[in-house]
Amino acid sequence: MAQTKAHKKKRRSQAPIALVYFITMIIFLFVIGMLALYALREFGVIGNDDSDSDAGIKSPVYNTLFARVNSKGVLADAAVIRVAPDAKKIIIMPVSAFTVSGSQTMREIHEEGGMVKLEAAVADTFGITIDNYVSLTNDAFENAADIVGGITYTPDEELYYLSQDNDENDIAIPSGDLTNLSGHQIRLICQYPVFKEGRNGNMKFLGTAVTMLINNAFQQTNITKDNLDNFYNIFTANSDTDWTSAQYKEEKSYLKDMLDQNLTPAEALVPEGEWTDDSHFKVSDKFKESVQTMLKDTAPSAAEK
């Protein structure tokens, strides 16, 4: 009996020692782990995962190529639209269908290789990465423009053209006349020979019109928010596009945030260069440099801590 009591007493005396040993091992492993984590961060193997890490997250920038293709499948014109949430800007770069890339115009490139080849040509010519491309029908362009009420435009020269189709396609706007233009009228002015500068005038007008349309949309916050899904559906219906619904939903969240900030974000960056004739436009090296400057100025920037 005495022997049994002695055995139990010995077992009880060993319990605190085991507990101390266990706690010591836990502390030792924790210290070793913290030292290893510190070393990995110091050598850049892993990033800092502090609670303030969200302050360094950068918003994405989206470059989308919109190309208007007429009912005959011919490229009419195009524009690269850059949405830069951190910079609070949307840059519109109109692209003439007669812009030369290599030995061909954008129109010829599109005719041979569709939107995939056009995207590559625009990216290479202007030195800009294109995230997504979308082909627009005439109706899609006009409908989207009409949702935001078109634009109010004052030409500094008389714009005049009589269509052979019907009176609805005629253009007659006196110089200096303040005019409300519908989507249909905007589209016609983008393609008709109504400017003294010829097709260079059309390209400039496209940049002006799209800039005004986007800024108008930002002045109608609630209407635009309610129509964001509608815009996407209009743009991508009967379209040659790689702009997926998932990609659009991501961009939509940033657009909605920009719409809440009372911005007038759209600016036009119109290409400069030489028209060797009425059907060939070569972008200047100086303009390509200005594109690179724009890309830097609107690049994502870490949020302030």
C-alpha atoms as a PDB file:
ATOM      1  CA  MET A   1       0.000   0.000   0.000  1.00  0.00           C
ATOM      2  CA  ALA A   2       2.826   2.355   0.941  1.00  0.00           C
ATOM      3  CA  GLN A   3       4.594   1.435  -2.302  1.00  0.00           C
ATOM      4  CA  THR A   4       1.537   2.397  -4.363  1.00  0.00           C
ATOM      5  CA  LYS A   5       1.277   5.799  -2.641  1.00  0.00           C
ATOM      6  CA  ALA A   6       4.952   6.472  -3.314  1.00  0.00           C
ATOM      7  CA  HIS A   7       4.472   5.636  -7.031  1.00  0.00           C
ATOM      8  CA  LYS A   8       1.509   8.047  -7.349  1.00  0.00           C
ATOM      9  CA  LYS A   9       3.461  10.790  -5.592  1.00  0.00           C
ATOM     10  CA  LYS A  10       6.342  10.330  -8.037  1.00  0.00           C
ATOM     11  CA  ARG A  11       3.973  10.634 -11.045  1.00  0.00           C
ATOM     12  CA  ARG A  12       2.441  13.810  -9.642  1.00  0.00           C
ATOM     13  CA  SER A  13       5.849  15.371  -9.102  1.00  0.00           C
ATOM     14  CA  GLN A  14       6.783  14.741 -12.769  1.00  0.00           C
ATOM     15  CA  ALA A  15       3.640  16.487 -14.162  1.00  0.00           C
ATOM     16  CA  PRO A  16       4.784  20.106 -13.496  1.00  0.00           C
ATOM     17  CA  ILE A  17       8.176  19.335 -15.062  1.00  0.00           C
ATOM     18  CA  ALA A  18       6.519  18.060 -18.251  1.00  0.00           C
ATOM     19  CA  LEU A  19       4.282  21.144 -18.415  1.00  0.00           C
ATOM     20  CA  VAL A  20       7.251  23.499 -18.031  1.00  0.00           C
ATOM     21  CA  TYR A  21       9.124  21.572 -20.718  1.00  0.00           C
ATOM     22  CA  PHE A  22       6.130  21.804 -23.098  1.00  0.00           C
ATOM     23  CA  ILE A  23       5.706  25.559 -22.563  1.00  0.00           C
ATOM     24  CA  THR A  24       9.438  26.097 -23.053  1.00  0.00           C
ATOM     25  CA  MET A  25       9.327  24.248 -26.378  1.00  0.00           C
ATOM     26  CA  ILE A  26       6.350  26.348 -27.578  1.00  0.00           C
ATOM     27  CA  ILE A  27       8.149  29.584 -26.743  1.00  0.00           C
ATOM     28  CA  PHE A  28      11.333  28.321 -28.417  1.00  0.00           C
ATOM     29  CA  LEU A  29       9.483  27.391 -31.621  1.00  0.00           C
ATOM     30  CA  PHE A  30       7.654  30.749 -31.651  1.00  0.00           C
ATOM     31  CA  VAL A  31      10.949  32.675 -31.328  1.00  0.00           C
ATOM     32  CA  ILE A  32      12.571  30.611 -34.077  1.00  0.00           C
ATOM     33  CA  GLY A  33       9.532  31.146 -36.329  1.00  0.00           C
ATOM     34  CA  MET A  34       9.572  34.918 -35.812  1.00  0.00           C
ATOM     35  CA  LEU A  35      13.301  35.071 -36.568  1.00  0.00           C
ATOM     36  CA  ALA A  36      12.779  33.058 -39.761  1.00  0.00           C
ATOM     37  CA  LEU A  37       9.874  35.294 -40.833  1.00  0.00           C
ATOM     38  CA  TYR A  38      11.975  38.401 -40.210  1.00  0.00           C
ATOM     39  CA  ALA A  39      14.826  36.978 -42.295  1.00  0.00           C
ATOM     40  CA  LEU A  40      12.504  36.109 -45.190  1.00  0.00           C
ATOM     41  CA  ARG A  41      11.066  39.627 -45.218  1.00  0.00           C
ATOM     42  CA  GLU A  42      14.505  41.227 -45.010  1.00  0.00           C
ATOM     43  CA  PHE A  43      15.686  39.273 -48.043  1.00  0.00           C
ATOM     44  CA  GLY A  44      12.463  40.019 -49.962  1.00  0.00           C
ATOM     45  CA  VAL A  45      11.364  36.397 -50.195  1.00  0.00           C
ATOM     46  CA  ILE A  46       7.911  37.293 -48.867  1.00  0.00           C
ATOM     47  CA  GLY A  47       6.070  40.600 -48.565  1.00  0.00           C
ATOM     48  CA  ASN A  48       5.173  42.491 -45.466  1.00  0.00           C
ATOM     49  CA  ASP A  49       1.733  41.384 -44.257  1.00  0.00           C
ATOM     50  CA  ASP A  50       1.146  44.103 -41.680  1.00  0.00           C
ATOM     51  CA  SER A  51      -2.312  45.464 -41.037  1.00  0.00           C
ATOM     52  CA  ASP A  52      -1.372  48.585 -43.049  1.00  0.00           C
ATOM     53  CA  SER A  53      -0.634  46.568 -46.196  1.00  0.00           C
ATOM     54  CA  ASP A  54      -3.881  47.730 -47.867  1.00  0.00           C
ATOM     55  CA  ALA A  55      -2.383  51.220 -48.062  1.00  0.00           C
ATOM     56  CA  GLY A  56       0.017  49.990 -50.733  1.00  0.00           C
ATOM     57  CA  ILE A  57      -2.530  48.316 -53.010  1.00  0.00           C
ATOM     58  CA  LYS A  58      -2.700  49.844 -56.477  1.00  0.00           C
ATOM     59  CA  SER A  59      -5.867  50.154 -58.536  1.00  0.00           C
ATOM     60  CA  PRO A  60      -5.601  48.617 -61.996  1.00  0.00           C
ATOM     61  CA  VAL A  61      -5.569  50.663 -65.198  1.00  0.00           C
ATOM     62  CA  TYR A  62      -7.706  49.507 -68.127  1.00  0.00           C
ATOM     63  CA  ASN A  63      -6.861  50.134 -71.792  1.00  0.00           C
ATOM     64  CA  THR A  64      -9.708  49.125 -74.082  1.00  0.00           C
ATOM     65  CA  LEU A  65      -9.710  49.363 -77.865  1.00  0.00           C
ATOM     66  CA  PHE A  66     -13.123  50.292 -79.261  1.00  0.00           C
ATOM     67  CA  ALA A  67     -13.368  49.938 -83.041  1.00  0.00           C
ATOM     68  CA  ARG A  68     -16.431  51.026 -85.006  1.00  0.00           C
ATOM     69  CA  VAL A  69     -17.090  48.608 -87.844  1.00  0.00           C
ATOM     70  CA  ASN A  70     -19.802  49.476 -90.366  1.00  0.00           C
ATOM     71  CA  SER A  71     -22.495  47.169 -91.773  1.00  0.00           C
ATOM     72  CA  LYS A  72     -20.126  46.052 -94.541  1.00  0.00           C
ATOM     73  CA  GLY A  73     -17.534  44.883 -92.030  1.00  0.00           C
ATOM     74  CA  VAL A  74     -15.189  47.792 -92.815  1.00  0.00           C
ATOM     75  CA  LEU A  75     -13.282  49.568 -90.047  1.00  0.00           C
ATOM     76  CA  ALA A  76     -14.599  53.142 -89.831  1.00  0.00           C
ATOM     77  CA  ASP A  77     -12.584  54.471 -86.890  1.00  0.00           C
ATOM     78  CA  ALA A  78     -11.342  53.458 -83.462  1.00  0.00           C
ATOM     79  CA  ALA A  79     -10.333  54.784 -80.073  1.00  0.00           C
ATOM     80  CA  VAL A  80      -8.239  53.561 -77.179  1.00  0.00           C
ATOM     81  CA  ILE A  81      -9.922  54.477 -73.900  1.00  0.00           C
ATOM     82  CA  ARG A  82      -7.705  54.355 -70.826  1.00  0.00           C
ATOM     83  CA  VAL A  83      -9.466  54.276 -67.456  1.00  0.00           C
ATOM     84  CA  ALA A  84      -7.023  55.268 -64.686  1.00  0.00           C
ATOM     85  CA  PRO A  85      -8.817  55.232 -61.297  1.00  0.00           C
ATOM     86  CA  ASP A  86      -5.849  56.349 -59.195  1.00  0.00           C
ATOM     87  CA  ALA A  87      -5.155  59.315 -61.474  1.00  0.00           C
ATOM     88  CA  LYS A  88      -8.914  60.021 -61.639  1.00  0.00           C
ATOM     89  CA  LYS A  89      -8.644  60.289 -65.417  1.00  0.00           C
ATOM     90  CA  ILE A  90     -10.018  58.691 -68.551  1.00  0.00           C
ATOM     91  CA  ILE A  91      -7.849  59.267 -71.615  1.00  0.00           C
ATOM     92  CA  ILE A  92      -9.367  59.015 -75.095  1.00  0.00           C
ATOM     93  CA  MET A  93      -6.975  58.453 -77.979  1.00  0.00           C
ATOM     94  CA  PRO A  94      -8.811  58.440 -81.330  1.00  0.00           C
ATOM     95  CA  VAL A  95      -7.308  56.233 -84.013  1.00  0.00           C
ATOM     96  CA  SER A  96      -7.956  56.900 -87.682  1.00  0.00           C
ATOM     97  CA  ALA A  97      -8.666  53.833 -89.812  1.00  0.00           C
ATOM     98  CA  PHE A  98      -5.996  55.224 -92.137  1.00  0.00           C
ATOM     99  CA  THR A  99      -3.219  55.185 -89.547  1.00  0.00           C
ATOM    100  CA  VAL A 100      -0.248  53.319 -90.981  1.00  0.00           C
ATOM    101  CA  SER A 101       1.264  50.363 -89.162  1.00  0.00           C
ATOM    102  CA  GLY A 102       4.151  48.812 -91.031  1.00  0.00           C
ATOM    103  CA  SER A 103       3.141  48.850 -94.692  1.00  0.00           C
ATOM    104  CA  GLN A 104      -0.635  48.743 -94.123  1.00  0.00           C
ATOM    105  CA  THR A 105      -3.368  50.964 -92.758  1.00  0.00           C
ATOM    106  CA  MET A 106      -5.444  49.947 -89.760  1.00  0.00           C
ATOM    107  CA  ARG A 107      -8.388  49.409 -92.093  1.00  0.00           C
ATOM    108  CA  GLU A 108      -6.385  46.980 -94.232  1.00  0.00           C
ATOM    109  CA  ILE A 109      -5.065  45.190 -91.149  1.00  0.00           C
ATOM    110  CA  HIS A 110      -8.580  44.769 -89.780  1.00  0.00           C
ATOM    111  CA  GLU A 111      -9.826  43.494 -93.125  1.00  0.00           C
ATOM    112  CA  GLU A 112      -7.162  40.776 -93.120  1.00  0.00           C
ATOM    113  CA  GLY A 113      -6.981  39.810 -89.458  1.00  0.00           C
ATOM    114  CA  GLY A 114      -9.986  41.199 -87.613  1.00  0.00           C
ATOM    115  CA  MET A 115      -9.826  42.636 -84.118  1.00  0.00           C
ATOM    116  CA  VAL A 116      -6.943  40.442 -82.975  1.00  0.00           C
ATOM    117  CA  LYS A 117      -4.602  41.820 -85.647  1.00  0.00           C
ATOM    118  CA  LEU A 118      -5.948  45.345 -85.196  1.00  0.00           C
ATOM    119  CA  GLU A 119      -5.263  45.224 -81.460  1.00  0.00           C
ATOM    120  CA  ALA A 120      -1.675  44.133 -82.071  1.00  0.00           C
ATOM    121  CA  ALA A 121      -1.154  46.858 -84.686  1.00  0.00           C
ATOM    122  CA  VAL A 122      -2.535  49.637 -82.465  1.00  0.00           C
ATOM    123  CA  ALA A 123      -0.472  48.444 -79.498  1.00  0.00           C
ATOM    124  CA  ASP A 124       2.710  48.318 -81.581  1.00  0.00           C
ATOM    125  CA  THR A 125       2.126  51.637 -83.361  1.00  0.00           C
ATOM    126  CA  PHE A 126       1.406  53.678 -80.234  1.00  0.00           C
ATOM    127  CA  GLY A 127       3.480  51.721 -77.711  1.00  0.00           C
ATOM    128  CA  ILE A 128       0.550  50.946 -75.437  1.00  0.00           C
ATOM    129  CA  THR A 129      -0.715  47.683 -73.999  1.00  0.00           C
ATOM    130  CA  ILE A 130      -4.312  46.859 -74.903  1.00  0.00           C
ATOM    131  CA  ASP A 131      -6.195  44.870 -72.261  1.00  0.00           C
ATOM    132  CA  ASN A 132      -9.376  44.253 -74.248  1.00  0.00           C
ATOM    133  CA  TYR A 133     -10.834  44.966 -77.654  1.00  0.00           C
ATOM    134  CA  VAL A 134     -14.438  45.567 -78.696  1.00  0.00           C
ATOM    135  CA  SER A 135     -15.899  46.044 -82.161  1.00  0.00           C
ATOM    136  CA  LEU A 136     -18.911  48.387 -82.248  1.00  0.00           C
ATOM    137  CA  THR A 137     -21.698  48.475 -84.783  1.00  0.00           C
ATOM    138  CA  ASN A 138     -23.019  51.839 -85.944  1.00  0.00           C
ATOM    139  CA  ASP A 139     -26.188  51.227 -83.924  1.00  0.00           C
ATOM    140  CA  ALA A 140     -24.197  50.398 -80.781  1.00  0.00           C
ATOM    141  CA  PHE A 141     -22.221  53.640 -81.057  1.00  0.00           C
ATOM    142  CA  GLU A 142     -25.358  55.724 -81.630  1.00  0.00           C
ATOM    143  CA  ASN A 143     -27.424  54.070 -78.899  1.00  0.00           C
ATOM    144  CA  ALA A 144     -24.705  54.499 -76.265  1.00  0.00           C
ATOM    145  CA  ALA A 145     -24.284  58.169 -77.224  1.00  0.00           C
ATOM    146  CA  ASP A 146     -28.013  58.794 -77.003  1.00  0.00           C
ATOM    147  CA  ILE A 147     -28.283  57.321 -73.500  1.00  0.00           C
ATOM    148  CA  VAL A 148     -26.178  60.230 -72.178  1.00  0.00           C
ATOM    149  CA  GLY A 149     -28.012  62.770 -74.329  1.00  0.00           C
ATOM    150  CA  GLY A 150     -25.486  63.243 -77.123  1.00  0.00           C
ATOM    151  CA  ILE A 151     -23.296  66.350 -77.025  1.00  0.00           C
ATOM    152  CA  THR A 152     -23.586  70.109 -77.425  1.00  0.00           C
ATOM    153  CA  TYR A 153     -21.062  71.153 -80.081  1.00  0.00           C
ATOM    154  CA  THR A 154     -19.996  74.433 -81.667  1.00  0.00           C
ATOM    155  CA  PRO A 155     -17.925  73.978 -84.854  1.00  0.00           C
ATOM    156  CA  ASP A 156     -15.361  76.633 -85.765  1.00  0.00           C
ATOM    157  CA  GLU A 157     -16.078  76.013 -89.445  1.00  0.00           C
ATOM    158  CA  GLU A 158     -19.209  75.248 -91.447  1.00  0.00           C
ATOM    159  CA  LEU A 159     -19.994  71.543 -91.544  1.00  0.00           C
ATOM    160  CA  TYR A 160     -21.961  70.661 -94.649  1.00  0.00           C
ATOM    161  CA  TYR A 161     -22.687  67.427 -96.482  1.00  0.00           C
ATOM    162  CA  LEU A 162     -25.652  66.186 -98.505  1.00  0.00           C
ATOM    163  CA  SER A 163     -26.173  62.455 -98.318  1.00  0.00           C
ATOM    164  CA  GLN A 164     -27.195  60.426-101.353  1.00  0.00           C
ATOM    165  CA  ASP A 165     -29.239  58.141 -99.073  1.00  0.00           C
ATOM    166  CA  ASN A 166     -31.809  60.314 -97.321  1.00  0.00           C
ATOM    167  CA  ASP A 167     -32.351  63.665 -95.612  1.00  0.00           C
ATOM    168  CA  GLU A 168     -31.725  62.173 -92.164  1.00  0.00           C
ATOM    169  CA  ASN A 169     -28.092  61.680 -93.131  1.00  0.00           C
ATOM    170  CA  ASP A 170     -27.545  65.297 -94.226  1.00  0.00           C
ATOM    171  CA  ILE A 171     -25.228  67.539 -92.220  1.00  0.00           C
ATOM    172  CA  ALA A 172     -25.653  71.318 -92.256  1.00  0.00           C
ATOM    173  CA  ILE A 173     -24.230  73.205 -89.260  1.00  0.00           C
ATOM    174  CA  PRO A 174     -23.122  76.845 -89.614  1.00  0.00           C
ATOM    175  CA  SER A 175     -19.784  77.918 -88.145  1.00  0.00           C
ATOM    176  CA  GLY A 176     -20.136  79.021 -84.524  1.00  0.00           C
ATOM    177  CA  ASP A 177     -23.636  77.587 -84.196  1.00  0.00           C
ATOM    178  CA  LEU A 178     -24.306  75.863 -80.856  1.00  0.00           C
ATOM    179  CA  THR A 179     -25.865  72.537 -81.833  1.00  0.00           C
ATOM    180  CA  ASN A 180     -27.148  69.513 -79.952  1.00  0.00           C
ATOM    181  CA  LEU A 181     -25.887  66.418 -81.736  1.00  0.00           C
ATOM    182  CA  SER A 182     -27.510  63.000 -81.413  1.00  0.00           C
ATOM    183  CA  GLY A 183     -25.551  59.766 -81.621  1.00  0.00           C
ATOM    184  CA  HIS A 184     -26.510  59.446 -85.284  1.00  0.00           C
ATOM    185  CA  GLN A 185     -25.244  62.932 -86.136  1.00  0.00           C
ATOM    186  CA  ILE A 186     -22.021  62.389 -84.191  1.00  0.00           C
ATOM    187  CA  ARG A 187     -21.384  59.191 -86.107  1.00  0.00           C
ATOM    188  CA  LEU A 188     -21.969  60.899 -89.467  1.00  0.00           C
ATOM    189  CA  ILE A 189     -19.618  63.787 -88.673  1.00  0.00           C
ATOM    190  CA  CYS A 190     -16.960  61.277 -87.651  1.00  0.00           C
ATOM    191  CA  GLN A 191     -16.985  59.791 -91.158  1.00  0.00           C
ATOM    192  CA  TYR A 192     -18.241  62.456 -93.611  1.00  0.00           C
ATOM    193  CA  PRO A 193     -15.793  64.734 -95.483  1.00  0.00           C
ATOM    194  CA  VAL A 194     -16.963  67.904 -93.724  1.00  0.00           C
ATOM    195  CA  PHE A 195     -13.679  69.274 -92.361  1.00  0.00           C
ATOM    196  CA  LYS A 196     -11.110  71.482 -94.085  1.00  0.00           C
ATOM    197  CA  GLU A 197      -8.435  69.245 -92.571  1.00  0.00           C
ATOM    198  CA  GLY A 198      -9.973  66.235 -94.267  1.00  0.00           C
ATOM    199  CA  ARG A 199      -9.739  62.981 -92.342  1.00  0.00           C
ATOM    200  CA  ASN A 200      -7.513  64.565 -89.737  1.00  0.00           C
ATOM    201  CA  GLY A 201     -10.526  66.697 -88.827  1.00  0.00           C
ATOM    202  CA  ASN A 202     -12.653  63.566 -88.488  1.00  0.00           C
ATOM    203  CA  MET A 203     -10.097  62.010 -86.127  1.00  0.00           C
ATOM    204  CA  LYS A 204      -9.965  65.153 -83.975  1.00  0.00           C
ATOM    205  CA  PHE A 205     -13.755  65.318 -83.843  1.00  0.00           C
ATOM    206  CA  LEU A 206     -13.960  61.683 -82.736  1.00  0.00           C
ATOM    207  CA  GLY A 207     -11.638  62.468 -79.834  1.00  0.00           C
ATOM    208  CA  THR A 208     -13.660  65.559 -78.919  1.00  0.00           C
ATOM    209  CA  ALA A 209     -17.028  63.801 -79.199  1.00  0.00           C
ATOM    210  CA  VAL A 210     -16.097  60.745 -77.116  1.00  0.00           C
ATOM    211  CA  THR A 211     -14.490  62.984 -74.490  1.00  0.00           C
ATOM    212  CA  MET A 212     -17.663  65.071 -74.250  1.00  0.00           C
ATOM    213  CA  LEU A 213     -19.872  61.972 -74.122  1.00  0.00           C
ATOM    214  CA  ILE A 214     -17.913  60.473 -71.227  1.00  0.00           C
ATOM    215  CA  ASN A 215     -17.847  63.749 -69.290  1.00  0.00           C
ATOM    216  CA  ASN A 216     -21.590  64.120 -69.882  1.00  0.00           C
ATOM    217  CA  ALA A 217     -22.040  60.643 -68.450  1.00  0.00           C
ATOM    218  CA  PHE A 218     -20.114  61.686 -65.323  1.00  0.00           C
ATOM    219  CA  GLN A 219     -22.424  64.664 -64.862  1.00  0.00           C
ATOM    220  CA  GLN A 220     -25.387  62.265 -64.745  1.00  0.00           C
ATOM    221  CA  THR A 221     -24.121  59.984 -62.034  1.00  0.00           C
ATOM    222  CA  ASN A 222     -27.272  58.062 -61.184  1.00  0.00           C
ATOM    223  CA  ILE A 223     -28.369  57.596 -64.805  1.00  0.00           C
ATOM    224  CA  THR A 224     -24.914  56.389 -65.780  1.00  0.00           C
ATOM    225  CA  LYS A 225     -24.646  53.997 -62.825  1.00  0.00           C
ATOM    226  CA  ASP A 226     -28.031  52.510 -63.696  1.00  0.00           C
ATOM    227  CA  ASN A 227     -26.913  52.038 -67.304  1.00  0.00           C
ATOM    228  CA  LEU A 228     -23.418  50.594 -66.859  1.00  0.00           C
ATOM    229  CA  ASP A 229     -24.662  47.054 -67.493  1.00  0.00           C
ATOM    230  CA  ASN A 230     -26.703  48.364 -70.413  1.00  0.00           C
ATOM    231  CA  PHE A 231     -23.617  49.989 -71.941  1.00  0.00           C
ATOM    232  CA  TYR A 232     -21.688  46.731 -71.673  1.00  0.00           C
ATOM    233  CA  ASN A 233     -24.514  44.783 -73.308  1.00  0.00           C
ATOM    234  CA  ILE A 234     -24.828  47.360 -76.107  1.00  0.00           C
ATOM    235  CA  PHE A 235     -21.094  47.357 -76.777  1.00  0.00           C
ATOM    236  CA  THR A 236     -20.660  43.587 -76.803  1.00  0.00           C
ATOM    237  CA  ALA A 237     -23.833  42.589 -78.667  1.00  0.00           C
ATOM    238  CA  ASN A 238     -22.883  41.281 -82.134  1.00  0.00           C
ATOM    239  CA  SER A 239     -19.312  42.244 -81.315  1.00  0.00           C
ATOM    240  CA  ASP A 240     -15.923  40.724 -81.995  1.00  0.00           C
ATOM    241  CA  THR A 241     -14.588  41.105 -78.465  1.00  0.00           C
ATOM    242  CA  ASP A 242     -12.478  39.464 -75.778  1.00  0.00           C
ATOM    243  CA  TRP A 243     -13.974  41.637 -73.025  1.00  0.00           C
ATOM    244  CA  THR A 244     -15.538  39.078 -70.689  1.00  0.00           C
ATOM    245  CA  SER A 245     -18.353  39.670 -68.222  1.00  0.00           C
ATOM    246  CA  ALA A 246     -15.988  38.987 -65.323  1.00  0.00           C
ATOM    247  CA  GLN A 247     -13.497  41.578 -66.559  1.00  0.00           C
ATOM    248  CA  TYR A 248     -16.265  44.113 -67.043  1.00  0.00           C
ATOM    249  CA  LYS A 249     -17.595  43.566 -63.491  1.00  0.00           C
ATOM    250  CA  GLU A 250     -14.153  44.276 -62.056  1.00  0.00           C
ATOM    251  CA  GLU A 251     -13.812  47.477 -64.069  1.00  0.00           C
ATOM    252  CA  LYS A 252     -17.385  48.437 -63.189  1.00  0.00           C
ATOM    253  CA  SER A 253     -16.521  48.638 -59.481  1.00  0.00           C
ATOM    254  CA  TYR A 254     -13.811  51.211 -60.209  1.00  0.00           C
ATOM    255  CA  LEU A 255     -16.043  53.172 -62.577  1.00  0.00           C
ATOM    256  CA  LYS A 256     -18.777  53.385 -59.941  1.00  0.00           C
ATOM    257  CA  ASP A 257     -16.242  54.647 -57.438  1.00  0.00           C
ATOM    258  CA  MET A 258     -15.070  57.323 -59.918  1.00  0.00           C
ATOM    259  CA  LEU A 259     -18.673  58.314 -60.597  1.00  0.00           C
ATOM    260  CA  ASP A 260     -19.143  58.996 -56.876  1.00  0.00           C
ATOM    261  CA  GLN A 261     -16.277  61.514 -56.855  1.00  0.00           C
ATOM    262  CA  ASN A 262     -17.919  64.306 -58.886  1.00  0.00           C
ATOM    263  CA  LEU A 263     -15.232  64.143 -61.574  1.00  0.00           C
ATOM    264  CA  THR A 264     -14.883  65.452 -65.104  1.00  0.00           C
ATOM    265  CA  PRO A 265     -12.251  62.851 -65.943  1.00  0.00           C
ATOM    266  CA  ALA A 266     -12.147  62.534 -69.733  1.00  0.00           C
ATOM    267  CA  GLU A 267      -9.344  64.092 -71.786  1.00  0.00           C
ATOM    268  CA  ALA A 268      -8.509  63.627 -75.455  1.00  0.00           C
ATOM    269  CA  LEU A 269      -5.020  62.764 -76.649  1.00  0.00           C
ATOM    270  CA  VAL A 270      -5.216  63.242 -80.428  1.00  0.00           C
ATOM    271  CA  PRO A 271      -2.476  61.632 -82.529  1.00  0.00           C
ATOM    272  CA  GLU A 272      -0.103  63.890 -84.404  1.00  0.00           C
ATOM    273  CA  GLY A 273       1.890  63.028 -87.485  1.00  0.00           C
ATOM    274  CA  GLU A 274       1.913  63.297 -91.268  1.00  0.00           C
ATOM    275  CA  TRP A 275      -0.786  62.565 -93.809  1.00  0.00           C
ATOM    276  CA  THR A 276       1.210  61.462 -96.850  1.00  0.00           C
ATOM    277  CA  ASP A 277      -2.089  61.460 -98.748  1.00  0.00           C
ATOM    278  CA  ASP A 278      -5.777  61.353 -97.807  1.00  0.00           C
ATOM    279  CA  SER A 279      -5.583  57.627 -97.044  1.00  0.00           C
ATOM    280  CA  HIS A 280      -2.326  57.272 -95.116  1.00  0.00           C
ATOM    281  CA  PHE A 281      -1.452  58.784 -91.736  1.00  0.00           C
ATOM    282  CA  LYS A 282       1.921  58.171 -90.096  1.00  0.00           C
ATOM    283  CA  VAL A 283       2.147  58.810 -86.371  1.00  0.00           C
ATOM    284  CA  SER A 284       5.108  61.002 -85.397  1.00  0.00           C
ATOM    285  CA  ASP A 285       7.830  59.880 -82.993  1.00  0.00           C
ATOM    286  CA  LYS A 286       7.107  62.994 -80.927  1.00  0.00           C
ATOM    287  CA  PHE A 287       3.526  61.875 -80.389  1.00  0.00           C
ATOM    288  CA  LYS A 288       4.670  58.389 -79.425  1.00  0.00           C
ATOM    289  CA  GLU A 289       6.816  60.034 -76.745  1.00  0.00           C
ATOM    290  CA  SER A 290       3.786  61.955 -75.485  1.00  0.00           C
ATOM    291  CA  VAL A 291       1.897  58.644 -75.204  1.00  0.00           C
ATOM    292  CA  GLN A 292       4.659  57.282 -72.969  1.00  0.00           C
ATOM    293  CA  THR A 293       4.479  60.418 -70.834  1.00  0.00           C
ATOM    294  CA  MET A 294       0.711  59.985 -70.522  1.00  0.00           C
ATOM    295  CA  LEU A 295       1.138  56.344 -69.502  1.00  0.00           C
ATOM    296  CA  LYS A 296       3.526  57.364 -66.710  1.00  0.00           C
ATOM    297  CA  ASP A 297       1.299  60.213 -65.553  1.00  0.00           C
ATOM    298  CA  THR A 298      -1.724  57.922 -65.291  1.00  0.00           C
ATOM    299  CA  ALA A 299       0.016  54.822 -63.968  1.00  0.00           C
ATOM    300  CA  PRO A 300      -1.309  53.223 -60.777  1.00  0.00           C
ATOM    301  CA  SER A 301       0.133  54.775 -57.630  1.00  0.00           C
ATOM    302  CA  ALA A 302       0.121  53.350 -54.102  1.00  0.00           C
ATOM    303  CA  ALA A 303      -2.444  54.940 -51.848  1.00  0.00           C
ATOM    304  CA  GLU A 304      -1.104  57.233 -49.135  1.00  0.00           C
ATOM    305  CA  LYS A 305      -0.707  55.664 -45.703  1.00  0.00           C
END
